[in-house]
Amino acid sequence: MEIKENSQMTVVDNEGVEHLMQILFTYENEERGTKYVFFYDTSDVDQEVMAMRYTDDNELIEIEDEEEYEEVDEVFSAWQDDPEIQKLKEE
């Protein structure tokens, strides 16, 4: 699996079911040396966006630290408020 913006990846849940995910964008915190991917399930009607940390081997890791989660949430909010993203939403 390769993680890159505007592509798709397959995620296997705890029950072994595969889900096709659309990647919105990735983000790297250089200070912490961590990378994040923002994505949603293509079959989900609500298209709830999720974020996870990922390694150089593209292993997904859940975000459990509250401070880290708040940072990721701020990044997502800034992404949503970006004027270029707003133009895409309107098209």
C-alpha atoms as a PDB file:
ATOM      1  CA  MET A   1       0.000   0.000   0.000  1.00  0.00           C
ATOM      2  CA  GLU A   2       1.320   3.416  -0.927  1.00  0.00           C
ATOM      3  CA  ILE A   3       0.081   6.484   0.887  1.00  0.00           C
ATOM      4  CA  LYS A   4      -0.083   9.580  -1.277  1.00  0.00           C
ATOM      5  CA  GLU A   5      -2.565  12.398  -1.725  1.00  0.00           C
ATOM      6  CA  ASN A   6      -5.590  11.879  -3.964  1.00  0.00           C
ATOM      7  CA  SER A   7      -5.147   8.133  -4.155  1.00  0.00           C
ATOM      8  CA  GLN A   8      -6.865   5.168  -2.558  1.00  0.00           C
ATOM      9  CA  MET A   9      -5.803   2.561  -0.046  1.00  0.00           C
ATOM     10  CA  THR A  10      -7.348  -0.569   1.386  1.00  0.00           C
ATOM     11  CA  VAL A  11      -7.735  -0.839   5.153  1.00  0.00           C
ATOM     12  CA  VAL A  12      -8.579  -4.096   6.903  1.00  0.00           C
ATOM     13  CA  ASP A  13     -10.716  -3.701  10.034  1.00  0.00           C
ATOM     14  CA  ASN A  14     -10.555  -5.787  13.227  1.00  0.00           C
ATOM     15  CA  GLU A  15     -12.947  -8.344  11.717  1.00  0.00           C
ATOM     16  CA  GLY A  16     -10.811  -8.845   8.598  1.00  0.00           C
ATOM     17  CA  VAL A  17     -13.133  -6.883   6.300  1.00  0.00           C
ATOM     18  CA  GLU A  18     -11.420  -4.751   3.649  1.00  0.00           C
ATOM     19  CA  HIS A  19     -12.535  -1.153   3.114  1.00  0.00           C
ATOM     20  CA  LEU A  20     -11.540   1.047   0.175  1.00  0.00           C
ATOM     21  CA  MET A  21     -10.460   4.446   1.475  1.00  0.00           C
ATOM     22  CA  GLN A  22      -9.995   7.684  -0.430  1.00  0.00           C
ATOM     23  CA  ILE A  23      -6.960   9.654   0.750  1.00  0.00           C
ATOM     24  CA  LEU A  24      -7.628  13.393   1.001  1.00  0.00           C
ATOM     25  CA  PHE A  25      -4.177  14.562   2.006  1.00  0.00           C
ATOM     26  CA  THR A  26      -1.131  13.784   4.097  1.00  0.00           C
ATOM     27  CA  TYR A  27       0.653  15.889   6.687  1.00  0.00           C
ATOM     28  CA  GLU A  28       4.069  15.630   8.313  1.00  0.00           C
ATOM     29  CA  ASN A  29       5.093  17.061  11.670  1.00  0.00           C
ATOM     30  CA  GLU A  30       8.827  17.493  11.191  1.00  0.00           C
ATOM     31  CA  GLU A  31       9.500  18.346  14.859  1.00  0.00           C
ATOM     32  CA  ARG A  32       7.958  15.096  16.032  1.00  0.00           C
ATOM     33  CA  GLY A  33       9.020  13.120  12.964  1.00  0.00           C
ATOM     34  CA  THR A  34       5.497  11.787  12.411  1.00  0.00           C
ATOM     35  CA  LYS A  35       3.357  11.542   9.291  1.00  0.00           C
ATOM     36  CA  TYR A  36      -0.433  11.539   9.106  1.00  0.00           C
ATOM     37  CA  VAL A  37      -2.972  10.548   6.494  1.00  0.00           C
ATOM     38  CA  PHE A  38      -6.519  11.928   6.272  1.00  0.00           C
ATOM     39  CA  PHE A  39      -9.003   9.637   4.524  1.00  0.00           C
ATOM     40  CA  TYR A  40     -12.601   8.433   4.301  1.00  0.00           C
ATOM     41  CA  ASP A  41     -14.409   5.212   3.450  1.00  0.00           C
ATOM     42  CA  THR A  42     -15.685   5.436  -0.137  1.00  0.00           C
ATOM     43  CA  SER A  43     -18.748   3.329   0.740  1.00  0.00           C
ATOM     44  CA  ASP A  44     -19.736   5.505   3.716  1.00  0.00           C
ATOM     45  CA  VAL A  45     -22.634   7.802   2.821  1.00  0.00           C
ATOM     46  CA  ASP A  46     -21.549  10.378   5.430  1.00  0.00           C
ATOM     47  CA  GLN A  47     -17.912  10.220   4.279  1.00  0.00           C
ATOM     48  CA  GLU A  48     -16.593  10.875   7.775  1.00  0.00           C
ATOM     49  CA  VAL A  49     -12.935  11.868   7.560  1.00  0.00           C
ATOM     50  CA  MET A  50     -10.512   9.878   9.689  1.00  0.00           C
ATOM     51  CA  ALA A  51      -6.857  10.520  10.449  1.00  0.00           C
ATOM     52  CA  MET A  52      -4.116   8.120  11.429  1.00  0.00           C
ATOM     53  CA  ARG A  53      -0.384   8.255  11.834  1.00  0.00           C
ATOM     54  CA  TYR A  54       1.639   6.176   9.385  1.00  0.00           C
ATOM     55  CA  THR A  55       5.204   4.881   9.268  1.00  0.00           C
ATOM     56  CA  ASP A  56       7.761   4.797   6.462  1.00  0.00           C
ATOM     57  CA  ASP A  57       6.539   1.225   5.845  1.00  0.00           C
ATOM     58  CA  ASN A  58       2.980   2.619   5.444  1.00  0.00           C
ATOM     59  CA  GLU A  59       1.780   0.934   8.622  1.00  0.00           C
ATOM     60  CA  LEU A  60      -1.263   2.769  10.027  1.00  0.00           C
ATOM     61  CA  ILE A  61      -1.245   3.652  13.738  1.00  0.00           C
ATOM     62  CA  GLU A  62      -4.195   5.054  15.681  1.00  0.00           C
ATOM     63  CA  ILE A  63      -3.738   8.465  17.296  1.00  0.00           C
ATOM     64  CA  GLU A  64      -4.231   8.009  21.030  1.00  0.00           C
ATOM     65  CA  ASP A  65      -2.458  11.028  22.518  1.00  0.00           C
ATOM     66  CA  GLU A  66      -4.907  13.901  23.164  1.00  0.00           C
ATOM     67  CA  GLU A  67      -2.386  16.638  22.307  1.00  0.00           C
ATOM     68  CA  GLU A  68      -1.471  14.892  19.063  1.00  0.00           C
ATOM     69  CA  TYR A  69      -5.159  14.433  18.196  1.00  0.00           C
ATOM     70  CA  GLU A  70      -5.845  18.146  18.805  1.00  0.00           C
ATOM     71  CA  GLU A  71      -2.973  19.082  16.474  1.00  0.00           C
ATOM     72  CA  VAL A  72      -4.312  16.780  13.754  1.00  0.00           C
ATOM     73  CA  ASP A  73      -7.790  18.251  14.213  1.00  0.00           C
ATOM     74  CA  GLU A  74      -6.375  21.779  13.789  1.00  0.00           C
ATOM     75  CA  VAL A  75      -4.570  20.720  10.608  1.00  0.00           C
ATOM     76  CA  PHE A  76      -7.807  19.278   9.211  1.00  0.00           C
ATOM     77  CA  SER A  77      -9.738  22.451  10.089  1.00  0.00           C
ATOM     78  CA  ALA A  78      -7.107  24.594   8.363  1.00  0.00           C
ATOM     79  CA  TRP A  79      -7.267  22.331   5.307  1.00  0.00           C
ATOM     80  CA  GLN A  80     -11.054  22.684   5.171  1.00  0.00           C
ATOM     81  CA  ASP A  81     -10.814  26.480   5.433  1.00  0.00           C
ATOM     82  CA  ASP A  82      -8.221  26.750   2.644  1.00  0.00           C
ATOM     83  CA  PRO A  83      -9.699  28.882  -0.193  1.00  0.00           C
ATOM     84  CA  GLU A  84      -8.492  26.408  -2.837  1.00  0.00           C
ATOM     85  CA  ILE A  85     -10.303  23.569  -1.056  1.00  0.00           C
ATOM     86  CA  GLN A  86     -13.455  25.682  -0.851  1.00  0.00           C
ATOM     87  CA  LYS A  87     -13.353  26.176  -4.633  1.00  0.00           C
ATOM     88  CA  LEU A  88     -13.122  22.410  -5.150  1.00  0.00           C
ATOM     89  CA  LYS A  89     -16.085  21.802  -2.853  1.00  0.00           C
ATOM     90  CA  GLU A  90     -18.204  24.243  -4.855  1.00  0.00           C
ATOM     91  CA  GLU A  91     -17.479  22.545  -8.206  1.00  0.00           C
END
